[in-house]
C-alpha atoms as a PDB file:
ATOM      1  CA  MET A   1     181.466  27.030  50.515  1.00  0.00           C
ATOM      2  CA  ALA A   2     183.693  29.319  52.538  1.00  0.00           C
ATOM      3  CA  GLU A   3     184.888  30.947  49.328  1.00  0.00           C
ATOM      4  CA  GLN A   4     181.298  31.509  48.239  1.00  0.00           C
ATOM      5  CA  ALA A   5     180.447  33.086  51.577  1.00  0.00           C
ATOM      6  CA  THR A   6     183.530  35.318  51.407  1.00  0.00           C
ATOM      7  CA  SER A   7     182.799  36.358  47.851  1.00  0.00           C
ATOM      8  CA  PHE A   8     179.151  36.960  48.755  1.00  0.00           C
ATOM      9  CA  VAL A   9     180.206  39.157  51.701  1.00  0.00           C
ATOM     10  CA  ASP A  10     182.780  40.966  49.523  1.00  0.00           C
ATOM     11  CA  GLU A  11     180.209  41.454  46.772  1.00  0.00           C
ATOM     12  CA  ALA A  12     177.631  42.697  49.273  1.00  0.00           C
ATOM     13  CA  GLY A  13     180.232  45.067  50.735  1.00  0.00           C
ATOM     14  CA  GLU A  14     181.078  46.407  47.280  1.00  0.00           C
ATOM     15  CA  ARG A  15     177.404  46.895  46.443  1.00  0.00           C
ATOM     16  CA  PHE A  16     176.876  48.636  49.777  1.00  0.00           C
ATOM     17  CA  THR A  17     179.868  50.922  49.158  1.00  0.00           C
ATOM     18  CA  ALA A  18     178.654  51.692  45.608  1.00  0.00           C
ATOM     19  CA  ALA A  19     175.135  52.376  46.869  1.00  0.00           C
ATOM     20  CA  ARG A  20     176.462  54.616  49.622  1.00  0.00           C
ATOM     21  CA  GLU A  21     178.571  56.562  47.088  1.00  0.00           C
ATOM     22  CA  ARG A  22     175.514  57.000  44.836  1.00  0.00           C
ATOM     23  CA  VAL A  23     173.463  58.194  47.811  1.00  0.00           C
ATOM     24  CA  ASP A  24     176.257  60.582  48.851  1.00  0.00           C
ATOM     25  CA  SER A  25     176.545  61.994  45.341  1.00  0.00           C
ATOM     26  CA  GLU A  26     172.759  62.281  45.076  1.00  0.00           C
ATOM     27  CA  ILE A  27     172.624  64.092  48.435  1.00  0.00           C
ATOM     28  CA  SER A  28     175.361  66.486  47.261  1.00  0.00           C
ATOM     29  CA  ARG A  29     173.490  67.124  44.013  1.00  0.00           C
ATOM     30  CA  ILE A  30     170.247  67.788  45.903  1.00  0.00           C
ATOM     31  CA  GLN A  31     172.038  70.140  48.330  1.00  0.00           C
ATOM     32  CA  LYS A  32     173.525  72.115  45.428  1.00  0.00           C
ATOM     33  CA  ASP A  33     170.126  72.207  43.713  1.00  0.00           C
ATOM     34  CA  LEU A  34     168.471  73.452  46.906  1.00  0.00           C
ATOM     35  CA  ALA A  35     171.161  76.105  47.412  1.00  0.00           C
ATOM     36  CA  THR A  36     170.639  77.306  43.841  1.00  0.00           C
ATOM     37  CA  ARG A  37     166.871  77.416  44.305  1.00  0.00           C
ATOM     38  CA  ARG A  38     167.248  79.279  47.618  1.00  0.00           C
ATOM     39  CA  LYS A  39     169.458  81.934  45.990  1.00  0.00           C
ATOM     40  CA  LYS A  40     166.985  82.290  43.129  1.00  0.00           C
ATOM     41  CA  ILE A  41     164.081  82.692  45.553  1.00  0.00           C
ATOM     42  CA  GLU A  42     166.022  85.217  47.636  1.00  0.00           C
ATOM     43  CA  LYS A  43     166.796  87.296  44.537  1.00  0.00           C
ATOM     44  CA  GLU A  44     163.182  87.182  43.419  1.00  0.00           C
ATOM     45  CA  PHE A  45     162.001  88.127  46.907  1.00  0.00           C
ATOM     46  CA  THR A  46     164.439  91.048  47.034  1.00  0.00           C
ATOM     47  CA  ARG A  47     163.386  92.211  43.589  1.00  0.00           C
ATOM     48  CA  SER A  48     159.695  91.991  44.540  1.00  0.00           C
ATOM     49  CA  ARG A  49     160.261  93.794  47.836  1.00  0.00           C
ATOM     50  CA  LYS A  50     162.129  96.640  46.128  1.00  0.00           C
ATOM     51  CA  SER A  51     159.450  96.919  43.478  1.00  0.00           C
ATOM     52  CA  PHE A  52     156.749  96.994  46.159  1.00  0.00           C
ATOM     53  CA  GLU A  53     158.627  99.658  48.143  1.00  0.00           C
ATOM     54  CA  LYS A  54     159.083 101.787  45.027  1.00  0.00           C
ATOM     55  CA  GLN A  55     155.417 101.494  44.145  1.00  0.00           C
ATOM     56  CA  THR A  56     154.392 102.307  47.721  1.00  0.00           C
ATOM     57  CA  ARG A  57     156.642 105.400  47.820  1.00  0.00           C
ATOM     58  CA  LYS A  58     155.139 106.538  44.526  1.00  0.00           C
ATOM     59  CA  GLN A  59     151.605 106.092  45.860  1.00  0.00           C
ATOM     60  CA  VAL A  60     152.417 107.901  49.110  1.00  0.00           C
ATOM     61  CA  LYS A  61     153.926 110.793  47.154  1.00  0.00           C
ATOM     62  CA  GLN A  62     150.812 110.985  44.971  1.00  0.00           C
ATOM     63  CA  ILE A  63     148.546 110.977  48.021  1.00  0.00           C
ATOM     64  CA  GLU A  64     150.615 113.746  49.631  1.00  0.00           C
ATOM     65  CA  GLN A  65     150.366 115.826  46.450  1.00  0.00           C
ATOM     66  CA  ASP A  66     146.618 115.262  46.276  1.00  0.00           C
ATOM     67  CA  LEU A  67     146.237 116.262  49.923  1.00  0.00           C
ATOM     68  CA  GLN A  68     148.288 119.431  49.402  1.00  0.00           C
ATOM     69  CA  LYS A  69     145.905 120.417  46.599  1.00  0.00           C
ATOM     70  CA  SER A  70     142.859 119.825  48.783  1.00  0.00           C
ATOM     71  CA  GLU A  71     140.983 122.907  49.952  1.00  0.00           C
ATOM     72  CA  VAL A  72     140.435 121.340  53.373  1.00  0.00           C
ATOM     73  CA  VAL A  73     144.170 120.917  53.883  1.00  0.00           C
ATOM     74  CA  LYS A  74     144.841 124.462  52.691  1.00  0.00           C
ATOM     75  CA  THR A  75     142.237 125.775  55.117  1.00  0.00           C
ATOM     76  CA  LEU A  76     143.672 123.730  57.971  1.00  0.00           C
ATOM     77  CA  GLN A  77     147.181 124.953  57.207  1.00  0.00           C
ATOM     78  CA  GLY A  78     145.927 128.540  57.282  1.00  0.00           C
ATOM     79  CA  TRP A  79     144.247 127.978  60.620  1.00  0.00           C
ATOM     80  CA  ARG A  80     147.383 126.356  61.950  1.00  0.00           C
ATOM     81  CA  SER A  81     149.584 129.290  60.971  1.00  0.00           C
ATOM     82  CA  GLN A  82     147.067 131.722  62.488  1.00  0.00           C
ATOM     83  CA  ALA A  83     146.970 129.707  65.714  1.00  0.00           C
ATOM     84  CA  GLU A  84     150.768 129.575  65.849  1.00  0.00           C
ATOM     85  CA  SER A  85     150.918 133.357  65.384  1.00  0.00           C
ATOM     86  CA  LEU A  86     148.338 133.972  68.092  1.00  0.00           C
ATOM     87  CA  ILE A  87     150.036 131.614  70.519  1.00  0.00           C
ATOM     88  CA  GLU A  88     153.454 133.133  69.816  1.00  0.00           C
ATOM     89  CA  ASP A  89     152.130 136.690  70.241  1.00  0.00           C
ATOM     90  CA  THR A  90     150.347 135.756  73.467  1.00  0.00           C
ATOM     91  CA  PHE A  91     153.407 133.980  74.784  1.00  0.00           C
ATOM     92  CA  ASP A  92     155.636 136.942  73.916  1.00  0.00           C
ATOM     93  CA  GLY A  93     153.158 139.225  75.692  1.00  0.00           C
ATOM     94  CA  VAL A  94     153.203 137.072  78.813  1.00  0.00           C
ATOM     95  CA  LEU A  95     156.995 136.899  78.795  1.00  0.00           C
ATOM     96  CA  GLY A  96     157.166 140.649  78.220  1.00  0.00           C
ATOM     97  CA  SER A  97     154.870 141.386  81.125  1.00  0.00           C
ATOM     98  CA  PHE A  98     157.095 139.313  83.411  1.00  0.00           C
ATOM     99  CA  GLN A  99     160.193 140.796  81.749  1.00  0.00           C
ATOM    100  CA  ILE A 100     161.418 137.374  80.638  1.00  0.00           C
ATOM    101  CA  ALA A 101     163.368 137.063  77.416  1.00  0.00           C
ATOM    102  CA  SER A 102     161.724 135.001  74.696  1.00  0.00           C
ATOM    103  CA  LYS A 103     163.521 132.225  72.856  1.00  0.00           C
ATOM    104  CA  SER A 104     164.151 134.494  69.866  1.00  0.00           C
ATOM    105  CA  ASP A 105     165.595 137.161  72.189  1.00  0.00           C
ATOM    106  CA  VAL A 106     167.924 134.611  73.772  1.00  0.00           C
ATOM    107  CA  GLN A 107     168.973 133.423  70.315  1.00  0.00           C
ATOM    108  CA  LYS A 108     169.748 137.001  69.255  1.00  0.00           C
ATOM    109  CA  ILE A 109     171.809 137.557  72.392  1.00  0.00           C
ATOM    110  CA  ASP A 110     173.610 134.261  71.811  1.00  0.00           C
ATOM    111  CA  ARG A 111     174.490 135.250  68.243  1.00  0.00           C
ATOM    112  CA  LYS A 112     175.807 138.619  69.420  1.00  0.00           C
ATOM    113  CA  LEU A 113     177.869 136.965  72.163  1.00  0.00           C
ATOM    114  CA  THR A 114     179.300 134.525  69.653  1.00  0.00           C
ATOM    115  CA  LYS A 115     180.325 137.404  67.372  1.00  0.00           C
ATOM    116  CA  LEU A 116     181.874 139.312  70.279  1.00  0.00           C
ATOM    117  CA  THR A 117     183.748 136.219  71.467  1.00  0.00           C
ATOM    118  CA  LYS A 118     185.113 135.644  67.969  1.00  0.00           C
ATOM    119  CA  ARG A 119     186.210 139.305  67.704  1.00  0.00           C
ATOM    120  CA  LEU A 120     187.885 139.096  71.110  1.00  0.00           C
ATOM    121  CA  LYS A 121     189.764 135.931  70.162  1.00  0.00           C
ATOM    122  CA  ASP A 122     190.852 137.518  66.875  1.00  0.00           C
ATOM    123  CA  MET A 123     192.115 140.565  68.771  1.00  0.00           C
ATOM    124  CA  GLU A 124     193.997 138.373  71.265  1.00  0.00           C
ATOM    125  CA  ARG A 125     195.590 136.389  68.448  1.00  0.00           C
ATOM    126  CA  GLY A 126     196.579 139.614  66.719  1.00  0.00           C
ATOM    127  CA  ARG A 127     198.258 140.936  69.836  1.00  0.00           C
ATOM    128  CA  GLN A 128     200.019 137.629  70.486  1.00  0.00           C
ATOM    129  CA  THR A 129     201.394 137.528  66.940  1.00  0.00           C
ATOM    130  CA  ASN A 130     202.632 141.120  67.306  1.00  0.00           C
ATOM    131  CA  GLY A 131     204.602 140.132  70.396  1.00  0.00           C
ATOM    132  CA  ALA A 132     202.382 141.897  72.874  1.00  0.00           C
ATOM    133  CA  THR A 133     200.522 139.978  75.526  1.00  0.00           C
ATOM    134  CA  ALA A 134     196.782 140.187  75.641  1.00  0.00           C
ATOM    135  CA  PRO A 135     195.347 142.241  78.507  1.00  0.00           C
ATOM    136  CA  LYS A 136     193.154 140.529  81.029  1.00  0.00           C
ATOM    137  CA  ALA A 137     189.456 140.703  80.204  1.00  0.00           C
ATOM    138  CA  SER A 138     187.540 143.217  82.276  1.00  0.00           C
ATOM    139  CA  THR A 139     184.682 142.122  84.471  1.00  0.00           C
ATOM    140  CA  ALA A 140     182.285 144.686  83.017  1.00  0.00           C
ATOM    141  CA  SER A 141     179.731 143.166  80.687  1.00  0.00           C
ATOM    142  CA  PRO A 142     179.563 144.577  77.155  1.00  0.00           C
ATOM    143  CA  THR A 143     176.271 145.979  75.972  1.00  0.00           C
ATOM    144  CA  ALA A 144     174.968 144.617  72.712  1.00  0.00           C
END
């Protein structure tokens, strides 16, 4: 009877081990299947998203082109440029009456100063390469 009990326990243990191995292999198979499905879904999602973005960009471009052709938009753009001109002229007039340089005047002066600085550096380099030392810059401001 003891042998039967031992063999029954051994047989039950073997069946349990076999069942556990089948469950483990089935779980592994399901995990691989799920991973494959997830990758497939991700690729499809990415493909759909890119297609949607492309289609949306195309539609936006078409709408922009249609708007540019519209008479209302052309009229509004004309009004905008006229308003910008008027505002700029008025602003320049106000700055002129207070003797304040406008942004374009400052930019012109900046460009001239940049050119003069470059020329001065070139002259200093030329003198240094000829063996002469560069004279000290005078304190008088150059007129442009």
